[in-house]
């Protein structure tokens, strides 16, 4: 599938790290290092603008290496980019560690996965069919 992209960043287009990677790495389009204090959130620009086909979304997800090594994650994960959005892709990072984190220009900060989606129509009802699970939630399937 081809997706139109405008790259106003100082870096190459996002790429898959391996031949079977699901996510494309997004980079911090910043001109100088930024320090993130513990529990601080920052909106990090990527310099990227995309045009997705109808019926597709882009999901922006944390990178596992940043999460395990530095406690860096995304506040709204996964972040959803709708097919009609034409603005710059921004990544809302949060430092969940007890240490300051130095974010460098061009650092890989998130991954973006392109997914197909379906739209629904609500069908009003007065009751729902029975299921094995029923209304059990919040850990109820682990109780036997």
Protein backbone atom coordinates (compact mmCIF):
# COMPACT_ATOMS: atom_id res chain seq x y z
CA UNK A 1 0.00 0.00 0.00
CA UNK A 2 1.32 3.45 -0.86
CA UNK A 3 0.81 6.34 1.58
CA UNK A 4 1.53 9.97 0.74
CA UNK A 5 3.97 11.61 3.16
CA UNK A 6 5.42 15.10 3.47
CA UNK A 7 8.72 15.13 5.33
CA UNK A 8 9.57 18.54 6.80
CA UNK A 9 11.97 17.00 9.30
CA UNK A 10 15.75 17.00 9.19
CA UNK A 11 15.74 13.19 9.05
CA UNK A 12 15.01 10.35 6.64
CA UNK A 13 11.52 8.94 6.18
CA UNK A 14 10.34 6.47 8.84
CA UNK A 15 11.52 2.95 8.12
CA UNK A 16 10.84 -0.58 9.28
CA UNK A 17 13.80 -1.88 11.33
CA UNK A 18 13.50 -5.43 9.94
CA UNK A 19 11.73 -7.16 7.07
CA UNK A 20 8.93 -8.30 9.40
CA UNK A 21 8.56 -5.25 11.64
CA UNK A 22 4.97 -4.04 12.04
CA UNK A 23 5.94 -0.55 13.16
CA UNK A 24 7.83 2.27 11.47
CA UNK A 25 10.18 4.20 13.73
CA UNK A 26 9.31 7.87 14.32
CA UNK A 27 12.09 10.31 15.18
CA UNK A 28 12.22 13.45 17.31
CA UNK A 29 12.40 16.41 14.94
CA UNK A 30 14.15 18.73 17.38
CA UNK A 31 17.22 20.88 16.74
CA UNK A 32 18.84 20.45 20.14
CA UNK A 33 18.69 18.00 23.05
CA UNK A 34 15.67 18.29 25.35
CA UNK A 35 15.68 17.26 28.99
CA UNK A 36 12.63 15.50 30.36
CA UNK A 37 12.30 15.57 34.13
CA UNK A 38 10.61 12.72 36.04
CA UNK A 39 6.85 12.65 35.32
CA UNK A 40 7.21 15.41 32.74
CA UNK A 41 5.21 15.26 29.49
CA UNK A 42 6.31 16.82 26.22
CA UNK A 43 4.76 17.02 22.77
CA UNK A 44 7.57 16.08 20.42
CA UNK A 45 7.27 17.05 16.75
CA UNK A 46 8.20 14.59 14.00
CA UNK A 47 8.05 16.93 11.00
CA UNK A 48 5.88 14.32 9.24
CA UNK A 49 2.47 14.77 7.59
CA UNK A 50 0.63 11.82 6.06
CA UNK A 51 -2.45 11.12 3.94
CA UNK A 52 -3.90 7.72 4.79
CA UNK A 53 -6.40 5.94 2.55
CA UNK A 54 -10.03 5.72 3.73
CA UNK A 55 -10.53 2.86 6.17
CA UNK A 56 -7.00 3.03 7.60
CA UNK A 57 -5.58 4.61 10.74
CA UNK A 58 -2.05 5.04 12.05
CA UNK A 59 -1.44 3.96 15.63
CA UNK A 60 1.47 5.61 17.45
CA UNK A 61 2.90 3.32 20.11
CA UNK A 62 5.76 3.37 22.62
CA UNK A 63 9.14 1.86 21.81
CA UNK A 64 9.92 -1.02 24.16
CA UNK A 65 13.63 -0.14 24.43
CA UNK A 66 12.91 3.40 25.67
CA UNK A 67 10.30 2.04 28.07
CA UNK A 68 12.46 -0.64 29.70
CA UNK A 69 15.76 1.27 29.73
CA UNK A 70 14.55 4.79 30.55
CA UNK A 71 10.86 4.64 31.60
CA UNK A 72 9.83 6.69 28.55
CA UNK A 73 6.33 6.00 27.24
CA UNK A 74 3.42 7.70 25.52
CA UNK A 75 0.59 9.34 27.44
CA UNK A 76 -2.12 8.38 24.97
CA UNK A 77 -1.19 4.95 23.77
CA UNK A 78 -1.91 4.04 21.18
CA UNK A 79 -2.38 7.46 19.70
CA UNK A 80 -4.71 7.37 16.71
CA UNK A 81 -4.15 9.27 13.49
CA UNK A 82 -7.39 9.34 11.49
CA UNK A 83 -7.36 9.15 7.69
CA UNK A 84 -8.69 12.72 7.38
CA UNK A 85 -6.00 14.29 9.63
CA UNK A 86 -3.46 16.36 7.68
CA UNK A 87 -1.51 18.03 10.48
CA UNK A 88 1.94 17.22 11.76
CA UNK A 89 2.34 13.95 13.63
CA UNK A 90 3.27 14.74 17.22
CA UNK A 91 4.21 12.27 19.93
CA UNK A 92 3.26 12.93 23.56
CA UNK A 93 6.14 11.46 25.57
CA UNK A 94 6.19 11.02 29.33
CA UNK A 95 9.12 10.24 31.59
CA UNK A 96 7.87 7.66 34.10
CA UNK A 97 11.29 7.15 35.68
CA UNK A 98 12.87 8.86 38.67
CA UNK A 99 15.72 10.20 36.51
CA UNK A 100 16.01 12.97 33.96
CA UNK A 101 16.05 11.77 30.36
CA UNK A 102 17.95 13.51 27.59
CA UNK A 103 16.10 13.35 24.27
CA UNK A 104 18.44 13.90 21.34
CA UNK A 105 17.63 15.20 17.86
CA UNK A 106 16.67 12.37 15.53
CA UNK A 107 16.20 9.87 18.35
CA UNK A 108 13.65 7.15 17.66
CA UNK A 109 10.81 7.99 20.04
CA UNK A 110 7.83 5.89 18.96
CA UNK A 111 6.61 3.46 16.36
CA UNK A 112 3.74 3.88 13.96
CA UNK A 113 1.59 0.96 12.82
CA UNK A 114 -0.90 1.31 9.94
CA UNK A 115 -4.14 -0.60 10.63
CA UNK A 116 -7.37 -1.19 8.76
CA UNK A 117 -10.54 -0.31 10.67
CA UNK A 118 -14.29 -0.72 10.29
CA UNK A 119 -16.96 1.83 11.11
CA UNK A 120 -20.11 0.65 12.83
CA UNK A 121 -23.77 1.59 13.08
CA UNK A 122 -25.41 1.29 16.49
CA UNK A 123 -28.40 -1.04 16.71
CA UNK A 124 -30.49 -0.08 19.73
CA UNK A 125 -31.56 -3.02 21.89
CA UNK A 126 -33.16 -3.69 25.25
CA UNK A 127 -30.95 -6.70 26.04
CA UNK A 128 -27.91 -8.60 24.78
CA UNK A 129 -27.39 -12.30 24.06
CA UNK A 130 -25.93 -14.49 26.81
CA UNK A 131 -22.24 -15.47 26.75
CA UNK A 132 -19.97 -17.67 28.83
CA UNK A 133 -18.29 -14.60 30.33
CA UNK A 134 -21.43 -12.56 30.92
CA UNK A 135 -20.78 -9.26 32.68
CA UNK A 136 -17.55 -10.38 34.40
CA UNK A 137 -14.72 -7.89 33.91
CA UNK A 138 -11.58 -6.46 35.48
CA UNK A 139 -9.73 -9.73 36.03
CA UNK A 140 -12.77 -11.99 36.32
CA UNK A 141 -11.54 -14.42 33.62
CA UNK A 142 -8.54 -15.30 35.81
CA UNK A 143 -10.79 -16.57 38.61
CA UNK A 144 -11.78 -20.23 38.33
